[in-house]
Every structure is written in C-alpha cells, then in structure tokens.
Amino acid sequence: MVNETATHDERLRDLEAEAFRTGRTLAEHSEQLATIREQQRTAFGNIDSLANAVGAPGERSITDRLDTIERVLFALARAQGVDPDAL
C-alpha cells in the first residue's frame, strides 16, 4: 500500500511538472505569435506606404505599383554590387 501511494505521488508530481512545462511553452508561443502579428502589421503598412509613394491609390493597381518598387529595389541592389537574382 505504501509503495502504491509513493508511485501515485510520483506520477502526480510528473503530471504537475508536465502541465507546468506545457503552460510555459504555450505562454512563450503566445508571445511569439503576438510579435509575428506586430511584424506583419508593420510590413503591410510599409508595403502600403511604398506603394503609395510610387503612385496614388486608385491611379494604378497595387500590382503595378509593387512591380515598380521591385524594379527600383533591384536597381539599387545592383548599384551596390549585389545580385538580387542570386539571393
């Protein structure tokens, strides 16, 4: 009976430790997701700003404006000796 109680207590401690680790891992993942969401918001905002800098909204499609931005960025990279096609 004493051995059975000790085994039960050990199993309970193991389960509590596993639950703690799982909770900590979930909290870490939640923080990482919040960071990723913020980075995405920033990136999309930057894309909109760049697109608007190349042409007014409604003037040309976003695809046309982004193509222009891409050409400008590639030209800048090449001017600095970087081959963007090799990246």
N, C-alpha and C. Protein backbone atom coordinates (compact mmCIF):
# COMPACT_ATOMS: atom_id res chain seq x y z
N MET A 1 0.82 -1.19 0.00
CA MET A 1 0.00 0.00 0.00
C MET A 1 0.87 1.26 0.00
N VAL A 2 1.95 1.26 0.80
CA VAL A 2 2.84 2.41 0.87
C VAL A 2 3.53 2.61 -0.47
N ASN A 3 3.95 1.51 -1.09
CA ASN A 3 4.61 1.58 -2.39
C ASN A 3 3.65 2.12 -3.45
N GLU A 4 2.40 1.69 -3.38
CA GLU A 4 1.39 2.15 -4.33
C GLU A 4 1.13 3.66 -4.16
N THR A 5 1.11 4.14 -2.94
CA THR A 5 0.92 5.57 -2.67
C THR A 5 2.11 6.37 -3.17
N ALA A 6 3.30 5.87 -2.97
CA ALA A 6 4.51 6.56 -3.45
C ALA A 6 4.50 6.64 -4.97
N THR A 7 4.12 5.57 -5.63
CA THR A 7 4.05 5.55 -7.09
C THR A 7 3.01 6.56 -7.58
N HIS A 8 1.88 6.59 -6.89
CA HIS A 8 0.83 7.55 -7.24
C HIS A 8 1.33 8.99 -7.07
N ASP A 9 2.01 9.27 -5.96
CA ASP A 9 2.55 10.61 -5.69
C ASP A 9 3.59 11.01 -6.74
N GLU A 10 4.44 10.07 -7.12
CA GLU A 10 5.44 10.34 -8.15
C GLU A 10 4.77 10.67 -9.48
N ARG A 11 3.76 9.89 -9.83
CA ARG A 11 3.04 10.12 -11.09
C ARG A 11 2.35 11.48 -11.07
N LEU A 12 1.78 11.84 -9.92
CA LEU A 12 1.12 13.13 -9.77
C LEU A 12 2.14 14.27 -9.93
N ARG A 13 3.30 14.14 -9.31
CA ARG A 13 4.37 15.15 -9.46
C ARG A 13 4.80 15.27 -10.92
N ASP A 14 4.93 14.13 -11.60
CA ASP A 14 5.31 14.15 -13.02
C ASP A 14 4.27 14.88 -13.86
N LEU A 15 3.01 14.60 -13.58
CA LEU A 15 1.93 15.26 -14.33
C LEU A 15 1.90 16.76 -14.05
N GLU A 16 2.13 17.14 -12.79
CA GLU A 16 2.16 18.57 -12.46
C GLU A 16 3.33 19.26 -13.15
N ALA A 17 4.47 18.62 -13.18
CA ALA A 17 5.63 19.20 -13.85
C ALA A 17 5.38 19.33 -15.34
N GLU A 18 4.77 18.31 -15.94
CA GLU A 18 4.46 18.36 -17.37
C GLU A 18 3.45 19.47 -17.68
N ALA A 19 2.45 19.62 -16.82
CA ALA A 19 1.46 20.69 -17.01
C ALA A 19 2.12 22.06 -16.91
N PHE A 20 3.05 22.22 -15.98
CA PHE A 20 3.76 23.49 -15.84
C PHE A 20 4.57 23.79 -17.09
N ARG A 21 5.32 22.79 -17.59
CA ARG A 21 6.12 22.99 -18.80
C ARG A 21 5.23 23.32 -20.00
N THR A 22 4.10 22.64 -20.11
CA THR A 22 3.18 22.90 -21.21
C THR A 22 2.62 24.31 -21.13
N GLY A 23 2.26 24.75 -19.95
CA GLY A 23 1.76 26.11 -19.76
C GLY A 23 2.79 27.14 -20.11
N ARG A 24 4.03 26.91 -19.70
CA ARG A 24 5.12 27.84 -20.02
C ARG A 24 5.35 27.88 -21.53
N THR A 25 5.32 26.72 -22.17
CA THR A 25 5.52 26.65 -23.62
C THR A 25 4.40 27.39 -24.35
N LEU A 26 3.17 27.21 -23.91
CA LEU A 26 2.04 27.90 -24.54
C LEU A 26 2.17 29.41 -24.38
N ALA A 27 2.61 29.86 -23.23
CA ALA A 27 2.80 31.29 -23.00
C ALA A 27 3.89 31.85 -23.92
N GLU A 28 4.97 31.09 -24.08
CA GLU A 28 6.05 31.52 -24.97
C GLU A 28 5.56 31.60 -26.41
N HIS A 29 4.78 30.61 -26.85
CA HIS A 29 4.24 30.61 -28.21
C HIS A 29 3.29 31.79 -28.41
N SER A 30 2.51 32.09 -27.40
CA SER A 30 1.58 33.21 -27.47
C SER A 30 2.34 34.52 -27.65
N GLU A 31 3.43 34.68 -26.93
CA GLU A 31 4.26 35.89 -27.07
C GLU A 31 4.87 35.96 -28.47
N GLN A 32 5.32 34.83 -28.98
CA GLN A 32 5.90 34.80 -30.32
C GLN A 32 4.86 35.16 -31.38
N LEU A 33 3.65 34.66 -31.22
CA LEU A 33 2.57 34.98 -32.17
C LEU A 33 2.25 36.47 -32.13
N ALA A 34 2.23 37.05 -30.95
CA ALA A 34 1.97 38.49 -30.84
C ALA A 34 3.06 39.28 -31.56
N THR A 35 4.30 38.86 -31.41
CA THR A 35 5.42 39.52 -32.09
C THR A 35 5.29 39.39 -33.60
N ILE A 36 4.94 38.20 -34.07
CA ILE A 36 4.77 37.97 -35.51
C ILE A 36 3.64 38.83 -36.06
N ARG A 37 2.53 38.90 -35.34
CA ARG A 37 1.40 39.74 -35.80
C ARG A 37 1.82 41.20 -35.92
N GLU A 38 2.57 41.69 -34.95
CA GLU A 38 3.04 43.07 -34.99
C GLU A 38 3.99 43.28 -36.18
N GLN A 39 4.87 42.33 -36.42
CA GLN A 39 5.77 42.43 -37.57
C GLN A 39 4.99 42.44 -38.88
N GLN A 40 3.95 41.62 -38.97
CA GLN A 40 3.13 41.59 -40.18
C GLN A 40 2.42 42.93 -40.38
N ARG A 41 1.85 43.49 -39.30
CA ARG A 41 1.19 44.79 -39.42
C ARG A 41 2.17 45.85 -39.91
N THR A 42 3.37 45.84 -39.36
CA THR A 42 4.40 46.79 -39.78
C THR A 42 4.76 46.58 -41.24
N ALA A 43 4.96 45.33 -41.63
CA ALA A 43 5.34 45.02 -43.02
C ALA A 43 4.25 45.47 -43.99
N PHE A 44 3.00 45.15 -43.67
CA PHE A 44 1.91 45.54 -44.56
C PHE A 44 1.79 47.06 -44.63
N GLY A 45 2.00 47.72 -43.51
CA GLY A 45 1.98 49.18 -43.50
C GLY A 45 3.08 49.75 -44.36
N ASN A 46 4.27 49.14 -44.28
CA ASN A 46 5.39 49.59 -45.10
C ASN A 46 5.12 49.37 -46.58
N ILE A 47 4.52 48.25 -46.91
CA ILE A 47 4.18 47.97 -48.32
C ILE A 47 3.19 49.01 -48.83
N ASP A 48 2.17 49.30 -48.02
CA ASP A 48 1.20 50.33 -48.43
C ASP A 48 1.88 51.68 -48.61
N SER A 49 2.77 52.03 -47.70
CA SER A 49 3.46 53.32 -47.79
C SER A 49 4.33 53.38 -49.05
N LEU A 50 5.05 52.30 -49.32
CA LEU A 50 5.88 52.27 -50.53
C LEU A 50 5.02 52.35 -51.78
N ALA A 51 3.93 51.60 -51.78
CA ALA A 51 3.05 51.60 -52.95
C ALA A 51 2.46 52.99 -53.17
N ASN A 52 2.08 53.66 -52.09
CA ASN A 52 1.52 55.00 -52.22
C ASN A 52 2.58 56.01 -52.66
N ALA A 53 3.83 55.76 -52.29
CA ALA A 53 4.90 56.67 -52.70
C ALA A 53 5.15 56.57 -54.20
N VAL A 54 4.93 55.39 -54.77
CA VAL A 54 5.16 55.18 -56.19
C VAL A 54 3.99 55.71 -57.02
N GLY A 55 2.81 55.68 -56.49
CA GLY A 55 1.64 56.17 -57.20
C GLY A 55 0.47 56.32 -56.26
N ALA A 56 -0.38 57.25 -56.55
CA ALA A 56 -1.54 57.49 -55.69
C ALA A 56 -2.49 56.30 -55.75
N PRO A 57 -3.14 55.99 -54.64
CA PRO A 57 -4.11 54.90 -54.64
C PRO A 57 -5.18 55.15 -55.70
N GLY A 58 -5.51 54.11 -56.43
CA GLY A 58 -6.52 54.21 -57.47
C GLY A 58 -5.95 54.64 -58.81
N GLU A 59 -4.77 55.23 -58.78
CA GLU A 59 -4.14 55.68 -60.02
C GLU A 59 -3.70 54.49 -60.85
N ARG A 60 -3.01 53.56 -60.17
CA ARG A 60 -2.58 52.31 -60.80
C ARG A 60 -2.87 51.19 -59.83
N SER A 61 -2.92 49.98 -60.34
CA SER A 61 -3.19 48.85 -59.45
C SER A 61 -2.01 48.66 -58.49
N ILE A 62 -2.30 48.05 -57.38
CA ILE A 62 -1.24 47.77 -56.40
C ILE A 62 -0.16 46.90 -57.03
N THR A 63 -0.54 46.00 -57.91
CA THR A 63 0.43 45.13 -58.57
C THR A 63 1.40 45.95 -59.41
N ASP A 64 0.87 46.90 -60.16
CA ASP A 64 1.74 47.77 -60.98
C ASP A 64 2.68 48.58 -60.10
N ARG A 65 2.14 49.11 -59.01
CA ARG A 65 2.98 49.92 -58.12
C ARG A 65 4.05 49.07 -57.45
N LEU A 66 3.69 47.86 -57.02
CA LEU A 66 4.68 46.98 -56.39
C LEU A 66 5.73 46.52 -57.40
N ASP A 67 5.36 46.31 -58.64
CA ASP A 67 6.34 45.97 -59.68
C ASP A 67 7.35 47.10 -59.84
N THR A 68 6.88 48.34 -59.79
CA THR A 68 7.78 49.48 -59.89
C THR A 68 8.74 49.51 -58.71
N ILE A 69 8.22 49.27 -57.51
CA ILE A 69 9.06 49.24 -56.31
C ILE A 69 10.11 48.14 -56.45
N GLU A 70 9.70 46.99 -56.93
CA GLU A 70 10.65 45.87 -57.11
C GLU A 70 11.77 46.26 -58.07
N ARG A 71 11.42 46.88 -59.17
CA ARG A 71 12.45 47.30 -60.14
C ARG A 71 13.41 48.31 -59.52
N VAL A 72 12.88 49.25 -58.72
CA VAL A 72 13.73 50.24 -58.06
C VAL A 72 14.67 49.56 -57.07
N LEU A 73 14.13 48.64 -56.27
CA LEU A 73 14.96 47.93 -55.29
C LEU A 73 16.04 47.09 -55.96
N PHE A 74 15.70 46.42 -57.04
CA PHE A 74 16.68 45.62 -57.77
C PHE A 74 17.77 46.53 -58.34
N ALA A 75 17.38 47.68 -58.87
CA ALA A 75 18.36 48.62 -59.43
C ALA A 75 19.29 49.12 -58.32
N LEU A 76 18.74 49.42 -57.16
CA LEU A 76 19.58 49.86 -56.03
C LEU A 76 20.54 48.76 -55.60
N ALA A 77 20.05 47.53 -55.55
CA ALA A 77 20.91 46.41 -55.16
C ALA A 77 22.05 46.25 -56.16
N ARG A 78 21.73 46.28 -57.43
CA ARG A 78 22.77 46.12 -58.45
C ARG A 78 23.78 47.27 -58.38
N ALA A 79 23.31 48.48 -58.10
CA ALA A 79 24.22 49.63 -58.00
C ALA A 79 25.19 49.45 -56.83
N GLN A 80 24.81 48.66 -55.84
CA GLN A 80 25.67 48.40 -54.69
C GLN A 80 26.46 47.10 -54.87
N GLY A 81 26.38 46.51 -56.05
CA GLY A 81 27.16 45.30 -56.32
C GLY A 81 26.51 44.02 -55.83
N VAL A 82 25.22 44.08 -55.53
CA VAL A 82 24.50 42.89 -55.06
C VAL A 82 23.63 42.38 -56.20
N ASP A 83 23.71 41.08 -56.47
CA ASP A 83 22.88 40.48 -57.50
C ASP A 83 21.61 39.95 -56.84
N PRO A 84 20.48 40.68 -56.95
CA PRO A 84 19.26 40.24 -56.25
C PRO A 84 18.73 38.90 -56.76
N ASP A 85 19.06 38.52 -57.97
CA ASP A 85 18.61 37.24 -58.50
C ASP A 85 19.34 36.07 -57.83
N ALA A 86 20.51 36.34 -57.25
CA ALA A 86 21.29 35.29 -56.60
C ALA A 86 20.86 35.06 -55.16
N LEU A 87 20.02 35.92 -54.63
CA LEU A 87 19.62 35.80 -53.22
C LEU A 87 18.57 34.78 -53.02
